[in-house]
Amino acid sequence: MAFGVKRDEMDLWKEKASRNEIAIITHYWLDDRFPDSKTVTKVACSDLKKLQQWGKQYGLAPDWIDNRRKNIPHYDLFGEMQLVVLKNEHEWEQIERFHLEEKNND
């Protein structure tokens, strides 16, 4: 279940990804499979090869891409990798909004 993000933010993320750009969005998220994660960062691009190439720089395997929705393939990032990517991509607003540095410094 996703929350903490507005519909227009999600729509912009989808639009950017569909234009073959790397699109990044973070939201609160609860999933029993990941009890220690309260947020997820989704990095998407409709150009699968471009997304795989982008993921290489962070050591992300191509088979980690969630491609169930064929039009928006994306990586789901949690924890330390989430923070590393957001910092490297200069997504300061998302780090601040979701208190990600505080969480990782506990």
PDB file of N, CA and C in Angstrom:
ATOM      1  N   MET A   1       0.835  -1.177   0.000  1.00  0.00           N
ATOM      2  CA  MET A   1       0.000   0.000   0.000  1.00  0.00           C
ATOM      3  C   MET A   1       0.880   1.241   0.000  1.00  0.00           C
ATOM      4  N   ALA A   2       0.640   2.133  -0.915  1.00  0.00           N
ATOM      5  CA  ALA A   2       1.426   3.361  -1.049  1.00  0.00           C
ATOM      6  C   ALA A   2       0.645   4.542  -0.486  1.00  0.00           C
ATOM      7  N   PHE A   3       1.365   5.424   0.208  1.00  0.00           N
ATOM      8  CA  PHE A   3       0.745   6.654   0.669  1.00  0.00           C
ATOM      9  C   PHE A   3       1.829   7.691   0.926  1.00  0.00           C
ATOM     10  N   GLY A   4       1.408   8.951   1.131  1.00  0.00           N
ATOM     11  CA  GLY A   4       2.361  10.029   1.355  1.00  0.00           C
ATOM     12  C   GLY A   4       2.818  10.703   0.074  1.00  0.00           C
ATOM     13  N   VAL A   5       2.145  10.388  -1.024  1.00  0.00           N
ATOM     14  CA  VAL A   5       2.471  10.996  -2.311  1.00  0.00           C
ATOM     15  C   VAL A   5       1.153  11.379  -2.982  1.00  0.00           C
ATOM     16  N   LYS A   6       1.152  12.528  -3.628  1.00  0.00           N
ATOM     17  CA  LYS A   6      -0.064  13.015  -4.271  1.00  0.00           C
ATOM     18  C   LYS A   6      -0.225  12.399  -5.655  1.00  0.00           C
ATOM     19  N   ARG A   7      -1.463  12.328  -6.093  1.00  0.00           N
ATOM     20  CA  ARG A   7      -1.784  11.744  -7.401  1.00  0.00           C
ATOM     21  C   ARG A   7      -1.013  12.445  -8.510  1.00  0.00           C
ATOM     22  N   ASP A   8      -0.917  13.791  -8.464  1.00  0.00           N
ATOM     23  CA  ASP A   8      -0.204  14.494  -9.536  1.00  0.00           C
ATOM     24  C   ASP A   8       1.286  14.175  -9.524  1.00  0.00           C
ATOM     25  N   GLU A   9       1.860  13.896  -8.351  1.00  0.00           N
ATOM     26  CA  GLU A   9       3.270  13.494  -8.283  1.00  0.00           C
ATOM     27  C   GLU A   9       3.461  12.125  -8.943  1.00  0.00           C
ATOM     28  N   MET A  10       2.549  11.219  -8.663  1.00  0.00           N
ATOM     29  CA  MET A  10       2.623   9.885  -9.269  1.00  0.00           C
ATOM     30  C   MET A  10       2.424   9.976 -10.780  1.00  0.00           C
ATOM     31  N   ASP A  11       1.498  10.830 -11.217  1.00  0.00           N
ATOM     32  CA  ASP A  11       1.261  11.005 -12.652  1.00  0.00           C
ATOM     33  C   ASP A  11       2.502  11.572 -13.348  1.00  0.00           C
ATOM     34  N   LEU A  12       3.171  12.534 -12.714  1.00  0.00           N
ATOM     35  CA  LEU A  12       4.397  13.108 -13.289  1.00  0.00           C
ATOM     36  C   LEU A  12       5.493  12.058 -13.391  1.00  0.00           C
ATOM     37  N   TRP A  13       5.610  11.214 -12.372  1.00  0.00           N
ATOM     38  CA  TRP A  13       6.596  10.127 -12.378  1.00  0.00           C
ATOM     39  C   TRP A  13       6.322   9.185 -13.561  1.00  0.00           C
ATOM     40  N   LYS A  14       5.068   8.811 -13.745  1.00  0.00           N
ATOM     41  CA  LYS A  14       4.695   7.921 -14.844  1.00  0.00           C
ATOM     42  C   LYS A  14       4.965   8.573 -16.200  1.00  0.00           C
ATOM     43  N   GLU A  15       4.623   9.851 -16.319  1.00  0.00           N
ATOM     44  CA  GLU A  15       4.856  10.569 -17.574  1.00  0.00           C
ATOM     45  C   GLU A  15       6.345  10.631 -17.914  1.00  0.00           C
ATOM     46  N   LYS A  16       7.159  10.957 -16.925  1.00  0.00           N
ATOM     47  CA  LYS A  16       8.601  11.043 -17.144  1.00  0.00           C
ATOM     48  C   LYS A  16       9.153   9.680 -17.576  1.00  0.00           C
ATOM     49  N   ALA A  17       8.749   8.645 -16.880  1.00  0.00           N
ATOM     50  CA  ALA A  17       9.212   7.295 -17.232  1.00  0.00           C
ATOM     51  C   ALA A  17       8.771   6.912 -18.640  1.00  0.00           C
ATOM     52  N   SER A  18       7.565   7.288 -19.009  1.00  0.00           N
ATOM     53  CA  SER A  18       7.063   6.932 -20.336  1.00  0.00           C
ATOM     54  C   SER A  18       7.773   7.706 -21.450  1.00  0.00           C
ATOM     55  N   ARG A  19       8.433   8.828 -21.108  1.00  0.00           N
ATOM     56  CA  ARG A  19       9.233   9.588 -22.078  1.00  0.00           C
ATOM     57  C   ARG A  19      10.681   9.066 -22.144  1.00  0.00           C
ATOM     58  N   ASN A  20      10.896   7.878 -21.607  1.00  0.00           N
ATOM     59  CA  ASN A  20      12.230   7.239 -21.603  1.00  0.00           C
ATOM     60  C   ASN A  20      13.244   7.988 -20.752  1.00  0.00           C
ATOM     61  N   GLU A  21      12.755   8.720 -19.750  1.00  0.00           N
ATOM     62  CA  GLU A  21      13.634   9.382 -18.797  1.00  0.00           C
ATOM     63  C   GLU A  21      13.684   8.548 -17.525  1.00  0.00           C
ATOM     64  N   ILE A  22      14.755   8.695 -16.761  1.00  0.00           N
ATOM     65  CA  ILE A  22      14.843   8.054 -15.450  1.00  0.00           C
ATOM     66  C   ILE A  22      13.961   8.867 -14.506  1.00  0.00           C
ATOM     67  N   ALA A  23      12.963   8.208 -13.935  1.00  0.00           N
ATOM     68  CA  ALA A  23      12.003   8.857 -13.041  1.00  0.00           C
ATOM     69  C   ALA A  23      12.132   8.257 -11.652  1.00  0.00           C
ATOM     70  N   ILE A  24      12.168   9.121 -10.648  1.00  0.00           N
ATOM     71  CA  ILE A  24      12.382   8.667  -9.273  1.00  0.00           C
ATOM     72  C   ILE A  24      11.279   9.224  -8.387  1.00  0.00           C
ATOM     73  N   ILE A  25      10.663   8.334  -7.614  1.00  0.00           N
ATOM     74  CA  ILE A  25       9.643   8.757  -6.655  1.00  0.00           C
ATOM     75  C   ILE A  25       9.764   7.906  -5.394  1.00  0.00           C
ATOM     76  N   THR A  26       9.561   8.552  -4.275  1.00  0.00           N
ATOM     77  CA  THR A  26       9.586   7.865  -2.987  1.00  0.00           C
ATOM     78  C   THR A  26       8.217   8.033  -2.349  1.00  0.00           C
ATOM     79  N   HIS A  27       7.765   6.989  -1.652  1.00  0.00           N
ATOM     80  CA  HIS A  27       6.511   7.096  -0.907  1.00  0.00           C
ATOM     81  C   HIS A  27       6.544   6.155   0.280  1.00  0.00           C
ATOM     82  N   TYR A  28       5.669   6.449   1.240  1.00  0.00           N
ATOM     83  CA  TYR A  28       5.508   5.530   2.363  1.00  0.00           C
ATOM     84  C   TYR A  28       4.872   4.267   1.836  1.00  0.00           C
ATOM     85  N   TRP A  29       5.208   3.163   2.494  1.00  0.00           N
ATOM     86  CA  TRP A  29       4.803   1.884   1.947  1.00  0.00           C
ATOM     87  C   TRP A  29       4.881   0.847   3.048  1.00  0.00           C
ATOM     88  N   LEU A  30       3.870   0.046   3.173  1.00  0.00           N
ATOM     89  CA  LEU A  30       3.864  -1.031   4.161  1.00  0.00           C
ATOM     90  C   LEU A  30       3.680  -2.359   3.443  1.00  0.00           C
ATOM     91  N   ASP A  31       4.568  -3.282   3.756  1.00  0.00           N
ATOM     92  CA  ASP A  31       4.499  -4.611   3.156  1.00  0.00           C
ATOM     93  C   ASP A  31       5.065  -5.577   4.187  1.00  0.00           C
ATOM     94  N   ASP A  32       4.302  -6.580   4.538  1.00  0.00           N
ATOM     95  CA  ASP A  32       4.736  -7.550   5.551  1.00  0.00           C
ATOM     96  C   ASP A  32       6.030  -8.263   5.184  1.00  0.00           C
ATOM     97  N   ARG A  33       6.353  -8.323   3.895  1.00  0.00           N
ATOM     98  CA  ARG A  33       7.592  -8.977   3.462  1.00  0.00           C
ATOM     99  C   ARG A  33       8.830  -8.171   3.853  1.00  0.00           C
ATOM    100  N   PHE A  34       8.637  -6.857   4.083  1.00  0.00           N
ATOM    101  CA  PHE A  34       9.744  -5.957   4.410  1.00  0.00           C
ATOM    102  C   PHE A  34       9.396  -5.162   5.667  1.00  0.00           C
ATOM    103  N   PRO A  35       9.375  -5.818   6.824  1.00  0.00           N
ATOM    104  CA  PRO A  35       8.905  -5.150   8.049  1.00  0.00           C
ATOM    105  C   PRO A  35       9.779  -3.983   8.509  1.00  0.00           C
ATOM    106  N   ASP A  36      11.027  -3.925   8.092  1.00  0.00           N
ATOM    107  CA  ASP A  36      11.912  -2.840   8.505  1.00  0.00           C
ATOM    108  C   ASP A  36      11.866  -1.642   7.566  1.00  0.00           C
ATOM    109  N   SER A  37      11.121  -1.742   6.478  1.00  0.00           N
ATOM    110  CA  SER A  37      11.051  -0.666   5.498  1.00  0.00           C
ATOM    111  C   SER A  37       9.696   0.014   5.558  1.00  0.00           C
ATOM    112  N   LYS A  38       9.728   1.313   5.777  1.00  0.00           N
ATOM    113  CA  LYS A  38       8.493   2.102   5.811  1.00  0.00           C
ATOM    114  C   LYS A  38       8.345   2.963   4.559  1.00  0.00           C
ATOM    115  N   THR A  39       9.410   3.014   3.732  1.00  0.00           N
ATOM    116  CA  THR A  39       9.374   3.759   2.482  1.00  0.00           C
ATOM    117  C   THR A  39      10.002   2.907   1.385  1.00  0.00           C
ATOM    118  N   VAL A  40       9.663   3.254   0.166  1.00  0.00           N
ATOM    119  CA  VAL A  40      10.278   2.643  -1.004  1.00  0.00           C
ATOM    120  C   VAL A  40      10.532   3.754  -2.012  1.00  0.00           C
ATOM    121  N   THR A  41      11.636   3.650  -2.712  1.00  0.00           N
ATOM    122  CA  THR A  41      11.926   4.552  -3.822  1.00  0.00           C
ATOM    123  C   THR A  41      11.835   3.734  -5.090  1.00  0.00           C
ATOM    124  N   LYS A  42      11.026   4.211  -6.019  1.00  0.00           N
ATOM    125  CA  LYS A  42      10.856   3.530  -7.298  1.00  0.00           C
ATOM    126  C   LYS A  42      11.575   4.337  -8.368  1.00  0.00           C
ATOM    127  N   VAL A  43      12.463   3.646  -9.084  1.00  0.00           N
ATOM    128  CA  VAL A  43      13.213   4.270 -10.176  1.00  0.00           C
ATOM    129  C   VAL A  43      12.767   3.577 -11.451  1.00  0.00           C
ATOM    130  N   ALA A  44      12.161   4.355 -12.344  1.00  0.00           N
ATOM    131  CA  ALA A  44      11.530   3.775 -13.524  1.00  0.00           C
ATOM    132  C   ALA A  44      12.019   4.420 -14.808  1.00  0.00           C
ATOM    133  N   CYS A  45      11.871   3.670 -15.895  1.00  0.00           N
ATOM    134  CA  CYS A  45      12.109   4.175 -17.240  1.00  0.00           C
ATOM    135  C   CYS A  45      11.488   3.160 -18.198  1.00  0.00           C
ATOM    136  N   SER A  46      10.707   3.632 -19.155  1.00  0.00           N
ATOM    137  CA  SER A  46      10.075   2.690 -20.083  1.00  0.00           C
ATOM    138  C   SER A  46      11.082   2.062 -21.046  1.00  0.00           C
ATOM    139  N   ASP A  47      12.246   2.690 -21.189  1.00  0.00           N
ATOM    140  CA  ASP A  47      13.336   2.112 -21.983  1.00  0.00           C
ATOM    141  C   ASP A  47      14.107   1.164 -21.069  1.00  0.00           C
ATOM    142  N   LEU A  48      13.808  -0.112 -21.189  1.00  0.00           N
ATOM    143  CA  LEU A  48      14.374  -1.117 -20.292  1.00  0.00           C
ATOM    144  C   LEU A  48      15.901  -1.135 -20.325  1.00  0.00           C
ATOM    145  N   LYS A  49      16.493  -1.007 -21.503  1.00  0.00           N
ATOM    146  CA  LYS A  49      17.959  -1.001 -21.607  1.00  0.00           C
ATOM    147  C   LYS A  49      18.562   0.202 -20.888  1.00  0.00           C
ATOM    148  N   LYS A  50      17.913   1.347 -21.011  1.00  0.00           N
ATOM    149  CA  LYS A  50      18.386   2.550 -20.331  1.00  0.00           C
ATOM    150  C   LYS A  50      18.302   2.365 -18.808  1.00  0.00           C
ATOM    151  N   LEU A  51      17.211   1.772 -18.329  1.00  0.00           N
ATOM    152  CA  LEU A  51      17.055   1.516 -16.902  1.00  0.00           C
ATOM    153  C   LEU A  51      18.111   0.535 -16.402  1.00  0.00           C
ATOM    154  N   GLN A  52      18.377  -0.513 -17.167  1.00  0.00           N
ATOM    155  CA  GLN A  52      19.408  -1.477 -16.790  1.00  0.00           C
ATOM    156  C   GLN A  52      20.773  -0.811 -16.728  1.00  0.00           C
ATOM    157  N   GLN A  53      21.080   0.031 -17.703  1.00  0.00           N
ATOM    158  CA  GLN A  53      22.353   0.752 -17.732  1.00  0.00           C
ATOM    159  C   GLN A  53      22.465   1.686 -16.525  1.00  0.00           C
ATOM    160  N   TRP A  54      21.390   2.373 -16.204  1.00  0.00           N
ATOM    161  CA  TRP A  54      21.372   3.251 -15.039  1.00  0.00           C
ATOM    162  C   TRP A  54      21.634   2.437 -13.772  1.00  0.00           C
ATOM    163  N   GLY A  55      20.983   1.300 -13.647  1.00  0.00           N
ATOM    164  CA  GLY A  55      21.130   0.454 -12.458  1.00  0.00           C
ATOM    165  C   GLY A  55      22.539  -0.085 -12.262  1.00  0.00           C
ATOM    166  N   LYS A  56      23.265  -0.280 -13.364  1.00  0.00           N
ATOM    167  CA  LYS A  56      24.642  -0.797 -13.298  1.00  0.00           C
ATOM    168  C   LYS A  56      25.529   0.043 -12.392  1.00  0.00           C
ATOM    169  N   GLN A  57      25.383   1.363 -12.457  1.00  0.00           N
ATOM    170  CA  GLN A  57      26.250   2.241 -11.679  1.00  0.00           C
ATOM    171  C   GLN A  57      26.077   2.033 -10.172  1.00  0.00           C
ATOM    172  N   TYR A  58      24.941   1.447  -9.778  1.00  0.00           N
ATOM    173  CA  TYR A  58      24.674   1.186  -8.363  1.00  0.00           C
ATOM    174  C   TYR A  58      24.767  -0.300  -8.026  1.00  0.00           C
ATOM    175  N   GLY A  59      25.187  -1.096  -8.981  1.00  0.00           N
ATOM    176  CA  GLY A  59      25.299  -2.529  -8.751  1.00  0.00           C
ATOM    177  C   GLY A  59      23.955  -3.235  -8.707  1.00  0.00           C
ATOM    178  N   LEU A  60      22.958  -2.657  -9.342  1.00  0.00           N
ATOM    179  CA  LEU A  60      21.623  -3.252  -9.364  1.00  0.00           C
ATOM    180  C   LEU A  60      21.510  -4.228 -10.528  1.00  0.00           C
ATOM    181  N   ALA A  61      21.108  -5.424 -10.245  1.00  0.00           N
ATOM    182  CA  ALA A  61      20.996  -6.454 -11.275  1.00  0.00           C
ATOM    183  C   ALA A  61      19.764  -6.222 -12.149  1.00  0.00           C
ATOM    184  N   PRO A  62      19.881  -6.480 -13.445  1.00  0.00           N
ATOM    185  CA  PRO A  62      18.731  -6.324 -14.340  1.00  0.00           C
ATOM    186  C   PRO A  62      17.528  -7.173 -13.922  1.00  0.00           C
ATOM    187  N   ASP A  63      17.779  -8.336 -13.328  1.00  0.00           N
ATOM    188  CA  ASP A  63      16.652  -9.189 -12.940  1.00  0.00           C
ATOM    189  C   ASP A  63      15.941  -8.692 -11.680  1.00  0.00           C
ATOM    190  N   TRP A  64      16.414  -7.607 -11.077  1.00  0.00           N
ATOM    191  CA  TRP A  64      15.727  -6.978  -9.942  1.00  0.00           C
ATOM    192  C   TRP A  64      14.661  -5.993 -10.418  1.00  0.00           C
ATOM    193  N   ILE A  65      14.600  -5.752 -11.695  1.00  0.00           N
ATOM    194  CA  ILE A  65      13.611  -4.822 -12.235  1.00  0.00           C
ATOM    195  C   ILE A  65      12.228  -5.458 -12.163  1.00  0.00           C
ATOM    196  N   ASP A  66      11.304  -4.722 -11.591  1.00  0.00           N
ATOM    197  CA  ASP A  66       9.909  -5.149 -11.542  1.00  0.00           C
ATOM    198  C   ASP A  66       9.301  -4.762 -12.882  1.00  0.00           C
ATOM    199  N   ASN A  67       8.963  -5.756 -13.665  1.00  0.00           N
ATOM    200  CA  ASN A  67       8.458  -5.519 -15.014  1.00  0.00           C
ATOM    201  C   ASN A  67       7.051  -6.089 -15.189  1.00  0.00           C
ATOM    202  N   ARG A  68       6.338  -6.211 -14.067  1.00  0.00           N
ATOM    203  CA  ARG A  68       4.976  -6.740 -14.159  1.00  0.00           C
ATOM    204  C   ARG A  68       4.068  -5.809 -14.943  1.00  0.00           C
ATOM    205  N   ARG A  69       4.257  -4.509 -14.760  1.00  0.00           N
ATOM    206  CA  ARG A  69       3.533  -3.537 -15.578  1.00  0.00           C
ATOM    207  C   ARG A  69       4.477  -3.181 -16.709  1.00  0.00           C
ATOM    208  N   LYS A  70       4.286  -3.751 -17.828  1.00  0.00           N
ATOM    209  CA  LYS A  70       5.239  -3.649 -18.942  1.00  0.00           C
ATOM    210  C   LYS A  70       5.555  -2.207 -19.346  1.00  0.00           C
ATOM    211  N   ASN A  71       4.635  -1.285 -19.118  1.00  0.00           N
ATOM    212  CA  ASN A  71       4.893   0.092 -19.542  1.00  0.00           C
ATOM    213  C   ASN A  71       5.721   0.896 -18.532  1.00  0.00           C
ATOM    214  N   ILE A  72       5.867   0.397 -17.300  1.00  0.00           N
ATOM    215  CA  ILE A  72       6.658   1.124 -16.301  1.00  0.00           C
ATOM    216  C   ILE A  72       7.593   0.164 -15.556  1.00  0.00           C
ATOM    217  N   PRO A  73       8.623  -0.340 -16.230  1.00  0.00           N
ATOM    218  CA  PRO A  73       9.591  -1.158 -15.504  1.00  0.00           C
ATOM    219  C   PRO A  73      10.318  -0.281 -14.483  1.00  0.00           C
ATOM    220  N   HIS A  74      10.581  -0.850 -13.300  1.00  0.00           N
ATOM    221  CA  HIS A  74      11.210  -0.049 -12.255  1.00  0.00           C
ATOM    222  C   HIS A  74      11.956  -0.913 -11.240  1.00  0.00           C
ATOM    223  N   TYR A  75      12.911  -0.270 -10.592  1.00  0.00           N
ATOM    224  CA  TYR A  75      13.582  -0.847  -9.426  1.00  0.00           C
ATOM    225  C   TYR A  75      12.839  -0.364  -8.194  1.00  0.00           C
ATOM    226  N   ASP A  76      12.732  -1.223  -7.176  1.00  0.00           N
ATOM    227  CA  ASP A  76      12.240  -0.843  -5.860  1.00  0.00           C
ATOM    228  C   ASP A  76      13.448  -0.806  -4.937  1.00  0.00           C
ATOM    229  N   LEU A  77      13.714   0.347  -4.346  1.00  0.00           N
ATOM    230  CA  LEU A  77      14.891   0.535  -3.502  1.00  0.00           C
ATOM    231  C   LEU A  77      14.478   0.802  -2.061  1.00  0.00           C
ATOM    232  N   PHE A  78      15.192   0.167  -1.136  1.00  0.00           N
ATOM    233  CA  PHE A  78      14.911   0.292   0.287  1.00  0.00           C
ATOM    234  C   PHE A  78      16.204   0.584   1.042  1.00  0.00           C
ATOM    235  N   GLY A  79      16.054   1.078   2.258  1.00  0.00           N
ATOM    236  CA  GLY A  79      17.173   1.184   3.197  1.00  0.00           C
ATOM    237  C   GLY A  79      18.351   1.984   2.687  1.00  0.00           C
ATOM    238  N   GLU A  80      19.533   1.462   2.938  1.00  0.00           N
ATOM    239  CA  GLU A  80      20.772   2.172   2.602  1.00  0.00           C
ATOM    240  C   GLU A  80      20.897   2.442   1.104  1.00  0.00           C
ATOM    241  N   MET A  81      20.529   1.469   0.266  1.00  0.00           N
ATOM    242  CA  MET A  81      20.611   1.687  -1.186  1.00  0.00           C
ATOM    243  C   MET A  81      19.675   2.812  -1.613  1.00  0.00           C
ATOM    244  N   GLN A  82      18.517   2.869  -1.009  1.00  0.00           N
ATOM    245  CA  GLN A  82      17.567   3.943  -1.289  1.00  0.00           C
ATOM    246  C   GLN A  82      18.213   5.297  -1.017  1.00  0.00           C
ATOM    247  N   LEU A  83      18.856   5.439   0.133  1.00  0.00           N
ATOM    248  CA  LEU A  83      19.480   6.706   0.509  1.00  0.00           C
ATOM    249  C   LEU A  83      20.666   7.035  -0.393  1.00  0.00           C
ATOM    250  N   VAL A  84      21.492   6.055  -0.706  1.00  0.00           N
ATOM    251  CA  VAL A  84      22.636   6.272  -1.602  1.00  0.00           C
ATOM    252  C   VAL A  84      22.168   6.800  -2.951  1.00  0.00           C
ATOM    253  N   VAL A  85      21.167   6.162  -3.520  1.00  0.00           N
ATOM    254  CA  VAL A  85      20.660   6.578  -4.832  1.00  0.00           C
ATOM    255  C   VAL A  85      20.067   7.979  -4.761  1.00  0.00           C
ATOM    256  N   LEU A  86      19.239   8.231  -3.770  1.00  0.00           N
ATOM    257  CA  LEU A  86      18.614   9.550  -3.672  1.00  0.00           C
ATOM    258  C   LEU A  86      19.656  10.654  -3.511  1.00  0.00           C
ATOM    259  N   LYS A  87      20.701  10.404  -2.734  1.00  0.00           N
ATOM    260  CA  LYS A  87      21.772  11.397  -2.581  1.00  0.00           C
ATOM    261  C   LYS A  87      22.506  11.601  -3.901  1.00  0.00           C
ATOM    262  N   ASN A  88      22.904  10.512  -4.542  1.00  0.00           N
ATOM    263  CA  ASN A  88      23.647  10.618  -5.801  1.00  0.00           C
ATOM    264  C   ASN A  88      22.830  11.275  -6.906  1.00  0.00           C
ATOM    265  N   GLU A  89      21.522  11.118  -6.848  1.00  0.00           N
ATOM    266  CA  GLU A  89      20.638  11.698  -7.863  1.00  0.00           C
ATOM    267  C   GLU A  89      20.123  13.078  -7.436  1.00  0.00           C
ATOM    268  N   HIS A  90      20.621  13.577  -6.309  1.00  0.00           N
ATOM    269  CA  HIS A  90      20.269  14.915  -5.802  1.00  0.00           C
ATOM    270  C   HIS A  90      18.778  15.081  -5.538  1.00  0.00           C
ATOM    271  N   GLU A  91      18.184  14.046  -5.003  1.00  0.00           N
ATOM    272  CA  GLU A  91      16.755  14.069  -4.671  1.00  0.00           C
ATOM    273  C   GLU A  91      16.585  14.475  -3.203  1.00  0.00           C
ATOM    274  N   TRP A  92      17.083  15.658  -2.869  1.00  0.00           N
ATOM    275  CA  TRP A  92      17.120  16.129  -1.482  1.00  0.00           C
ATOM    276  C   TRP A  92      15.721  16.281  -0.895  1.00  0.00           C
ATOM    277  N   GLU A  93      14.763  16.732  -1.691  1.00  0.00           N
ATOM    278  CA  GLU A  93      13.402  16.932  -1.183  1.00  0.00           C
ATOM    279  C   GLU A  93      12.805  15.603  -0.717  1.00  0.00           C
ATOM    280  N   GLN A  94      13.055  14.545  -1.463  1.00  0.00           N
ATOM    281  CA  GLN A  94      12.517  13.235  -1.080  1.00  0.00           C
ATOM    282  C   GLN A  94      13.193  12.723   0.185  1.00  0.00           C
ATOM    283  N   ILE A  95      14.493  12.932   0.304  1.00  0.00           N
ATOM    284  CA  ILE A  95      15.215  12.516   1.513  1.00  0.00           C
ATOM    285  C   ILE A  95      14.645  13.232   2.730  1.00  0.00           C
ATOM    286  N   GLU A  96      14.453  14.525   2.589  1.00  0.00           N
ATOM    287  CA  GLU A  96      13.950  15.329   3.698  1.00  0.00           C
ATOM    288  C   GLU A  96      12.493  15.002   4.018  1.00  0.00           C
ATOM    289  N   ARG A  97      11.671  14.940   3.008  1.00  0.00           N
ATOM    290  CA  ARG A  97      10.243  14.704   3.211  1.00  0.00           C
ATOM    291  C   ARG A  97       9.951  13.406   3.940  1.00  0.00           C
ATOM    292  N   PHE A  98      10.726  12.369   3.620  1.00  0.00           N
ATOM    293  CA  PHE A  98      10.485  11.052   4.212  1.00  0.00           C
ATOM    294  C   PHE A  98      11.451  10.722   5.350  1.00  0.00           C
ATOM    295  N   HIS A  99      12.223  11.735   5.786  1.00  0.00           N
ATOM    296  CA  HIS A  99      13.127  11.601   6.944  1.00  0.00           C
ATOM    297  C   HIS A  99      14.072  10.402   6.791  1.00  0.00           C
ATOM    298  N   LEU A 100      14.635  10.255   5.611  1.00  0.00           N
ATOM    299  CA  LEU A 100      15.435   9.061   5.327  1.00  0.00           C
ATOM    300  C   LEU A 100      16.810   9.082   5.986  1.00  0.00           C
ATOM    301  N   GLU A 101      17.414  10.244   6.132  1.00  0.00           N
ATOM    302  CA  GLU A 101      18.714  10.287   6.804  1.00  0.00           C
ATOM    303  C   GLU A 101      18.574   9.978   8.280  1.00  0.00           C
ATOM    304  N   GLU A 102      17.534  10.469   8.906  1.00  0.00           N
ATOM    305  CA  GLU A 102      17.299  10.183  10.323  1.00  0.00           C
ATOM    306  C   GLU A 102      17.125   8.697  10.540  1.00  0.00           C
ATOM    307  N   LYS A 103      16.360   8.046   9.659  1.00  0.00           N
ATOM    308  CA  LYS A 103      16.085   6.632   9.776  1.00  0.00           C
ATOM    309  C   LYS A 103      17.367   5.801   9.646  1.00  0.00           C
ATOM    310  N   ASN A 104      18.247   6.196   8.732  1.00  0.00           N
ATOM    311  CA  ASN A 104      19.452   5.417   8.479  1.00  0.00           C
ATOM    312  C   ASN A 104      20.577   5.730   9.462  1.00  0.00           C
ATOM    313  N   ASN A 105      20.418   6.750  10.291  1.00  0.00           N
ATOM    314  CA  ASN A 105      21.441   7.080  11.262  1.00  0.00           C
ATOM    315  C   ASN A 105      21.111   6.574  12.666  1.00  0.00           C
ATOM    316  N   ASP A 106      20.008   5.850  12.807  1.00  0.00           N
ATOM    317  CA  ASP A 106      19.627   5.319  14.129  1.00  0.00           C
ATOM    318  C   ASP A 106      20.539   4.207  14.578  1.00  0.00           C
TER     319      ASP A 106
END
